[in-house]
Amino acid sequence: MKSRKLAAFLIIFIFILNLLAGKFFWYYSVWWFDMPMHFLGGLWLGLVGTVIFSNPRFQSIRHKILLTLLFVFVAGLFWELFEYATDAWTGAHGFIPLDSLSDMFFDMAGGMTAIVFVRQARHDSTG
């Protein structure tokens, strides 16, 4: 239950932070700002993934973890493809592979943090 509440809080926090970033141009003026945003997005996706894959039909913990990480990876990959397509369509700026790699790294780091958080919360509630 903690992970669902955290996911709900996190999506609202990300939404507000993104609104502020757009208003104050943080994505352009603070070069590293997208890194914590991708981490938070990966954390949120990881929390959502742990809820989706908590279904008893996914019996193995290893299976649940791999599915959650795959979920985060695929969502992050689709986001990067969306950014690439948007940049190509608007001509905003060129594709930077290192930036996309960094974004995917922070997405996955957030997803792994979500898994550790959920596993620890479950361990604490049973112990």
N, C-alpha and C. Protein backbone atom coordinates (compact mmCIF):
# COMPACT_ATOMS: atom_id res chain seq x y z
N MET A 1 0.81 -1.20 0.00
CA MET A 1 0.00 0.00 0.00
C MET A 1 0.86 1.26 0.00
N LYS A 2 2.01 1.19 0.66
CA LYS A 2 2.90 2.34 0.68
C LYS A 2 3.31 2.74 -0.73
N SER A 3 3.57 1.74 -1.58
CA SER A 3 4.03 2.05 -2.93
C SER A 3 2.94 2.73 -3.76
N ARG A 4 1.67 2.37 -3.54
CA ARG A 4 0.58 3.03 -4.27
C ARG A 4 0.44 4.49 -3.84
N LYS A 5 0.54 4.74 -2.56
CA LYS A 5 0.45 6.12 -2.07
C LYS A 5 1.64 6.94 -2.57
N LEU A 6 2.83 6.34 -2.53
CA LEU A 6 4.01 7.04 -3.02
C LEU A 6 3.89 7.32 -4.51
N ALA A 7 3.37 6.37 -5.28
CA ALA A 7 3.19 6.57 -6.72
C ALA A 7 2.21 7.71 -6.99
N ALA A 8 1.13 7.77 -6.23
CA ALA A 8 0.15 8.85 -6.40
C ALA A 8 0.77 10.21 -6.06
N PHE A 9 1.50 10.27 -4.95
CA PHE A 9 2.17 11.52 -4.58
C PHE A 9 3.21 11.90 -5.64
N LEU A 10 3.96 10.91 -6.09
CA LEU A 10 5.07 11.16 -7.02
C LEU A 10 4.59 11.72 -8.35
N ILE A 11 3.49 11.19 -8.89
CA ILE A 11 3.02 11.68 -10.18
C ILE A 11 2.55 13.12 -10.07
N ILE A 12 1.95 13.48 -8.94
CA ILE A 12 1.53 14.87 -8.72
C ILE A 12 2.76 15.76 -8.58
N PHE A 13 3.76 15.29 -7.83
CA PHE A 13 5.00 16.05 -7.65
C PHE A 13 5.71 16.26 -8.99
N ILE A 14 5.80 15.21 -9.80
CA ILE A 14 6.45 15.32 -11.11
C ILE A 14 5.69 16.31 -11.99
N PHE A 15 4.36 16.23 -11.96
CA PHE A 15 3.53 17.14 -12.75
C PHE A 15 3.79 18.59 -12.38
N ILE A 16 3.78 18.87 -11.07
CA ILE A 16 4.01 20.25 -10.61
C ILE A 16 5.42 20.71 -10.94
N LEU A 17 6.39 19.85 -10.72
CA LEU A 17 7.79 20.18 -11.02
C LEU A 17 7.97 20.46 -12.52
N ASN A 18 7.31 19.67 -13.35
CA ASN A 18 7.39 19.88 -14.80
C ASN A 18 6.74 21.20 -15.21
N LEU A 19 5.61 21.53 -14.58
CA LEU A 19 4.98 22.83 -14.86
C LEU A 19 5.90 23.99 -14.50
N LEU A 20 6.53 23.89 -13.33
CA LEU A 20 7.47 24.94 -12.91
C LEU A 20 8.67 25.01 -13.86
N ALA A 21 9.15 23.84 -14.28
CA ALA A 21 10.29 23.80 -15.19
C ALA A 21 9.96 24.46 -16.52
N GLY A 22 8.75 24.23 -16.99
CA GLY A 22 8.33 24.87 -18.23
C GLY A 22 8.19 26.38 -18.07
N LYS A 23 7.63 26.80 -16.96
CA LYS A 23 7.42 28.23 -16.71
C LYS A 23 8.74 28.99 -16.55
N PHE A 24 9.70 28.37 -15.86
CA PHE A 24 10.97 29.05 -15.57
C PHE A 24 12.12 28.57 -16.46
N PHE A 25 11.83 27.78 -17.49
CA PHE A 25 12.82 27.33 -18.48
C PHE A 25 13.97 26.53 -17.87
N TRP A 26 13.67 25.74 -16.84
CA TRP A 26 14.72 24.98 -16.17
C TRP A 26 15.36 23.93 -17.06
N TYR A 27 14.58 23.37 -18.01
CA TYR A 27 15.15 22.36 -18.90
C TYR A 27 16.25 22.96 -19.78
N TYR A 28 16.18 24.26 -20.01
CA TYR A 28 17.17 24.92 -20.86
C TYR A 28 18.24 25.64 -20.06
N SER A 29 17.88 26.16 -18.91
CA SER A 29 18.84 26.95 -18.13
C SER A 29 19.62 26.15 -17.11
N VAL A 30 19.10 24.98 -16.70
CA VAL A 30 19.78 24.12 -15.74
C VAL A 30 20.11 22.83 -16.49
N TRP A 31 21.35 22.67 -16.92
CA TRP A 31 21.72 21.59 -17.84
C TRP A 31 21.43 20.20 -17.29
N TRP A 32 21.44 20.04 -15.99
CA TRP A 32 21.26 18.72 -15.38
C TRP A 32 19.83 18.46 -14.93
N PHE A 33 18.91 19.39 -15.15
CA PHE A 33 17.56 19.28 -14.59
C PHE A 33 16.81 18.04 -15.07
N ASP A 34 17.04 17.62 -16.31
CA ASP A 34 16.31 16.44 -16.79
C ASP A 34 16.77 15.14 -16.13
N MET A 35 17.95 15.15 -15.51
CA MET A 35 18.44 13.93 -14.86
C MET A 35 17.57 13.53 -13.66
N PRO A 36 17.32 14.43 -12.70
CA PRO A 36 16.42 14.02 -11.62
C PRO A 36 14.98 13.79 -12.10
N MET A 37 14.57 14.48 -13.16
CA MET A 37 13.23 14.25 -13.69
C MET A 37 13.11 12.83 -14.26
N HIS A 38 14.14 12.39 -14.97
CA HIS A 38 14.12 11.02 -15.48
C HIS A 38 14.21 10.01 -14.34
N PHE A 39 14.98 10.31 -13.33
CA PHE A 39 15.05 9.42 -12.17
C PHE A 39 13.67 9.30 -11.51
N LEU A 40 13.01 10.44 -11.30
CA LEU A 40 11.68 10.43 -10.69
C LEU A 40 10.66 9.71 -11.57
N GLY A 41 10.78 9.93 -12.88
CA GLY A 41 9.89 9.22 -13.81
C GLY A 41 10.12 7.72 -13.76
N GLY A 42 11.38 7.31 -13.71
CA GLY A 42 11.70 5.89 -13.60
C GLY A 42 11.24 5.32 -12.28
N LEU A 43 11.36 6.10 -11.21
CA LEU A 43 10.88 5.68 -9.90
C LEU A 43 9.37 5.46 -9.94
N TRP A 44 8.64 6.41 -10.54
CA TRP A 44 7.20 6.27 -10.66
C TRP A 44 6.83 5.05 -11.50
N LEU A 45 7.49 4.89 -12.64
CA LEU A 45 7.21 3.73 -13.49
C LEU A 45 7.52 2.42 -12.75
N GLY A 46 8.61 2.41 -11.99
CA GLY A 46 8.96 1.23 -11.22
C GLY A 46 7.90 0.91 -10.18
N LEU A 47 7.38 1.92 -9.51
CA LEU A 47 6.32 1.70 -8.53
C LEU A 47 5.06 1.17 -9.20
N VAL A 48 4.71 1.75 -10.33
CA VAL A 48 3.55 1.27 -11.08
C VAL A 48 3.78 -0.17 -11.54
N GLY A 49 4.98 -0.44 -12.02
CA GLY A 49 5.31 -1.80 -12.46
C GLY A 49 5.22 -2.82 -11.35
N THR A 50 5.65 -2.45 -10.15
CA THR A 50 5.57 -3.40 -9.04
C THR A 50 4.11 -3.68 -8.67
N VAL A 51 3.24 -2.70 -8.85
CA VAL A 51 1.81 -2.92 -8.60
C VAL A 51 1.24 -3.84 -9.69
N ILE A 52 1.54 -3.54 -10.94
CA ILE A 52 1.03 -4.35 -12.05
C ILE A 52 1.49 -5.80 -11.93
N PHE A 53 2.77 -5.99 -11.64
CA PHE A 53 3.34 -7.33 -11.62
C PHE A 53 3.31 -7.99 -10.24
N SER A 54 2.53 -7.43 -9.33
CA SER A 54 2.37 -8.07 -8.02
C SER A 54 1.32 -9.17 -8.09
N ASN A 55 0.68 -9.31 -9.23
CA ASN A 55 -0.32 -10.36 -9.46
C ASN A 55 0.28 -11.72 -9.13
N PRO A 56 -0.46 -12.57 -8.42
CA PRO A 56 0.07 -13.89 -8.03
C PRO A 56 0.47 -14.79 -9.20
N ARG A 57 -0.04 -14.53 -10.40
CA ARG A 57 0.35 -15.38 -11.53
C ARG A 57 1.83 -15.20 -11.89
N PHE A 58 2.41 -14.08 -11.50
CA PHE A 58 3.85 -13.89 -11.64
C PHE A 58 4.48 -14.36 -10.33
N GLN A 59 4.76 -15.64 -10.22
CA GLN A 59 5.11 -16.23 -8.94
C GLN A 59 6.54 -15.92 -8.50
N SER A 60 7.46 -15.95 -9.40
CA SER A 60 8.86 -15.79 -9.05
C SER A 60 9.19 -14.31 -8.81
N ILE A 61 9.89 -14.05 -7.73
CA ILE A 61 10.34 -12.68 -7.45
C ILE A 61 11.24 -12.19 -8.59
N ARG A 62 12.10 -13.06 -9.06
CA ARG A 62 13.01 -12.70 -10.17
C ARG A 62 12.20 -12.31 -11.40
N HIS A 63 11.13 -13.05 -11.67
CA HIS A 63 10.27 -12.75 -12.81
C HIS A 63 9.61 -11.38 -12.64
N LYS A 64 9.10 -11.09 -11.46
CA LYS A 64 8.46 -9.80 -11.18
C LYS A 64 9.45 -8.65 -11.35
N ILE A 65 10.67 -8.85 -10.86
CA ILE A 65 11.70 -7.81 -10.97
C ILE A 65 12.06 -7.57 -12.43
N LEU A 66 12.28 -8.64 -13.18
CA LEU A 66 12.64 -8.50 -14.59
C LEU A 66 11.52 -7.83 -15.39
N LEU A 67 10.27 -8.20 -15.12
CA LEU A 67 9.15 -7.57 -15.82
C LEU A 67 9.03 -6.08 -15.48
N THR A 68 9.26 -5.75 -14.22
CA THR A 68 9.21 -4.35 -13.81
C THR A 68 10.31 -3.55 -14.49
N LEU A 69 11.52 -4.09 -14.51
CA LEU A 69 12.63 -3.39 -15.18
C LEU A 69 12.39 -3.27 -16.68
N LEU A 70 11.83 -4.31 -17.28
CA LEU A 70 11.51 -4.26 -18.71
C LEU A 70 10.44 -3.20 -18.97
N PHE A 71 9.46 -3.12 -18.09
CA PHE A 71 8.41 -2.11 -18.18
C PHE A 71 9.01 -0.70 -18.16
N VAL A 72 9.92 -0.45 -17.22
CA VAL A 72 10.57 0.86 -17.11
C VAL A 72 11.40 1.13 -18.35
N PHE A 73 12.15 0.13 -18.80
CA PHE A 73 13.02 0.30 -19.97
C PHE A 73 12.20 0.63 -21.22
N VAL A 74 11.14 -0.12 -21.46
CA VAL A 74 10.33 0.10 -22.66
C VAL A 74 9.65 1.47 -22.61
N ALA A 75 9.12 1.84 -21.46
CA ALA A 75 8.50 3.17 -21.34
C ALA A 75 9.53 4.27 -21.59
N GLY A 76 10.73 4.12 -21.02
CA GLY A 76 11.79 5.10 -21.24
C GLY A 76 12.21 5.16 -22.69
N LEU A 77 12.30 4.00 -23.33
CA LEU A 77 12.67 3.95 -24.74
C LEU A 77 11.62 4.64 -25.61
N PHE A 78 10.35 4.37 -25.32
CA PHE A 78 9.29 5.05 -26.08
C PHE A 78 9.33 6.56 -25.86
N TRP A 79 9.66 6.99 -24.64
CA TRP A 79 9.77 8.42 -24.39
C TRP A 79 10.90 9.03 -25.22
N GLU A 80 12.03 8.34 -25.28
CA GLU A 80 13.16 8.85 -26.08
C GLU A 80 12.80 8.90 -27.56
N LEU A 81 12.08 7.90 -28.05
CA LEU A 81 11.64 7.90 -29.45
C LEU A 81 10.66 9.05 -29.70
N PHE A 82 9.80 9.31 -28.72
CA PHE A 82 8.88 10.44 -28.82
C PHE A 82 9.66 11.76 -28.89
N GLU A 83 10.66 11.91 -28.02
CA GLU A 83 11.49 13.12 -28.06
C GLU A 83 12.19 13.27 -29.40
N TYR A 84 12.73 12.18 -29.91
CA TYR A 84 13.42 12.21 -31.20
C TYR A 84 12.47 12.63 -32.32
N ALA A 85 11.27 12.03 -32.34
CA ALA A 85 10.30 12.36 -33.37
C ALA A 85 9.84 13.81 -33.25
N THR A 86 9.63 14.26 -32.02
CA THR A 86 9.21 15.65 -31.81
C THR A 86 10.29 16.63 -32.27
N ASP A 87 11.55 16.33 -31.92
CA ASP A 87 12.66 17.19 -32.36
C ASP A 87 12.78 17.19 -33.88
N ALA A 88 12.63 16.02 -34.49
CA ALA A 88 12.73 15.94 -35.95
C ALA A 88 11.60 16.71 -36.62
N TRP A 89 10.40 16.63 -36.05
CA TRP A 89 9.24 17.28 -36.63
C TRP A 89 9.31 18.80 -36.46
N THR A 90 9.76 19.26 -35.28
CA THR A 90 9.80 20.70 -35.03
C THR A 90 11.12 21.34 -35.44
N GLY A 91 12.15 20.53 -35.60
CA GLY A 91 13.46 21.07 -35.90
C GLY A 91 14.08 21.78 -34.72
N ALA A 92 13.66 21.42 -33.51
CA ALA A 92 14.09 22.10 -32.28
C ALA A 92 15.60 22.02 -32.09
N HIS A 93 16.13 20.85 -32.08
CA HIS A 93 17.58 20.66 -31.99
C HIS A 93 17.89 19.23 -32.41
N GLY A 94 19.13 18.98 -32.68
CA GLY A 94 19.53 17.66 -33.17
C GLY A 94 19.48 16.59 -32.09
N PHE A 95 19.41 15.37 -32.55
CA PHE A 95 19.42 14.21 -31.67
C PHE A 95 20.80 14.06 -31.04
N ILE A 96 20.85 13.88 -29.73
CA ILE A 96 22.12 13.71 -29.01
C ILE A 96 22.09 12.34 -28.34
N PRO A 97 22.78 11.35 -28.93
CA PRO A 97 22.72 9.98 -28.38
C PRO A 97 23.15 9.90 -26.91
N LEU A 98 24.15 10.66 -26.51
CA LEU A 98 24.62 10.61 -25.13
C LEU A 98 23.54 11.10 -24.16
N ASP A 99 22.77 12.08 -24.56
CA ASP A 99 21.68 12.56 -23.72
C ASP A 99 20.62 11.48 -23.55
N SER A 100 20.27 10.80 -24.63
CA SER A 100 19.28 9.72 -24.54
C SER A 100 19.81 8.58 -23.68
N LEU A 101 21.08 8.27 -23.81
CA LEU A 101 21.68 7.22 -22.98
C LEU A 101 21.63 7.61 -21.51
N SER A 102 21.94 8.86 -21.21
CA SER A 102 21.87 9.36 -19.84
C SER A 102 20.43 9.29 -19.32
N ASP A 103 19.48 9.68 -20.15
CA ASP A 103 18.07 9.63 -19.76
C ASP A 103 17.65 8.20 -19.42
N MET A 104 18.05 7.25 -20.26
CA MET A 104 17.70 5.85 -20.02
C MET A 104 18.37 5.33 -18.74
N PHE A 105 19.60 5.77 -18.50
CA PHE A 105 20.29 5.37 -17.27
C PHE A 105 19.51 5.83 -16.05
N PHE A 106 19.07 7.09 -16.04
CA PHE A 106 18.34 7.63 -14.89
C PHE A 106 16.95 7.01 -14.78
N ASP A 107 16.32 6.70 -15.91
CA ASP A 107 15.04 5.97 -15.86
C ASP A 107 15.23 4.64 -15.14
N MET A 108 16.25 3.89 -15.54
CA MET A 108 16.49 2.57 -14.97
C MET A 108 16.93 2.67 -13.50
N ALA A 109 17.72 3.69 -13.16
CA ALA A 109 18.13 3.87 -11.76
C ALA A 109 16.90 4.13 -10.89
N GLY A 110 15.96 4.92 -11.39
CA GLY A 110 14.72 5.16 -10.66
C GLY A 110 13.90 3.89 -10.52
N GLY A 111 13.82 3.10 -11.59
CA GLY A 111 13.09 1.84 -11.55
C GLY A 111 13.70 0.86 -10.55
N MET A 112 15.02 0.77 -10.53
CA MET A 112 15.68 -0.13 -9.57
C MET A 112 15.47 0.35 -8.14
N THR A 113 15.47 1.66 -7.94
CA THR A 113 15.22 2.22 -6.61
C THR A 113 13.80 1.86 -6.16
N ALA A 114 12.84 1.90 -7.08
CA ALA A 114 11.45 1.53 -6.74
C ALA A 114 11.38 0.08 -6.29
N ILE A 115 12.09 -0.79 -6.99
CA ILE A 115 12.08 -2.21 -6.62
C ILE A 115 12.67 -2.41 -5.23
N VAL A 116 13.78 -1.76 -4.95
CA VAL A 116 14.40 -1.87 -3.62
C VAL A 116 13.44 -1.33 -2.56
N PHE A 117 12.82 -0.19 -2.83
CA PHE A 117 11.87 0.41 -1.87
C PHE A 117 10.72 -0.55 -1.58
N VAL A 118 10.11 -1.10 -2.62
CA VAL A 118 8.96 -1.98 -2.44
C VAL A 118 9.36 -3.26 -1.72
N ARG A 119 10.49 -3.83 -2.09
CA ARG A 119 10.94 -5.06 -1.42
C ARG A 119 11.22 -4.78 0.05
N GLN A 120 11.83 -3.64 0.35
CA GLN A 120 12.12 -3.30 1.75
C GLN A 120 10.83 -3.03 2.52
N ALA A 121 9.89 -2.34 1.90
CA ALA A 121 8.60 -2.05 2.57
C ALA A 121 7.87 -3.34 2.86
N ARG A 122 7.89 -4.28 1.92
CA ARG A 122 7.22 -5.57 2.15
C ARG A 122 7.92 -6.37 3.23
N HIS A 123 9.25 -6.29 3.23
CA HIS A 123 10.02 -7.01 4.26
C HIS A 123 9.72 -6.42 5.65
N ASP A 124 9.66 -5.09 5.72
CA ASP A 124 9.38 -4.43 7.02
C ASP A 124 7.98 -4.74 7.52
N SER A 125 7.03 -4.88 6.60
CA SER A 125 5.64 -5.12 7.04
C SER A 125 5.42 -6.58 7.46
N THR A 126 6.26 -7.49 6.99
CA THR A 126 6.11 -8.90 7.36
C THR A 126 7.01 -9.29 8.54
N GLY A 127 8.02 -8.47 8.79
CA GLY A 127 8.99 -8.81 9.83
C GLY A 127 8.72 -8.17 11.09
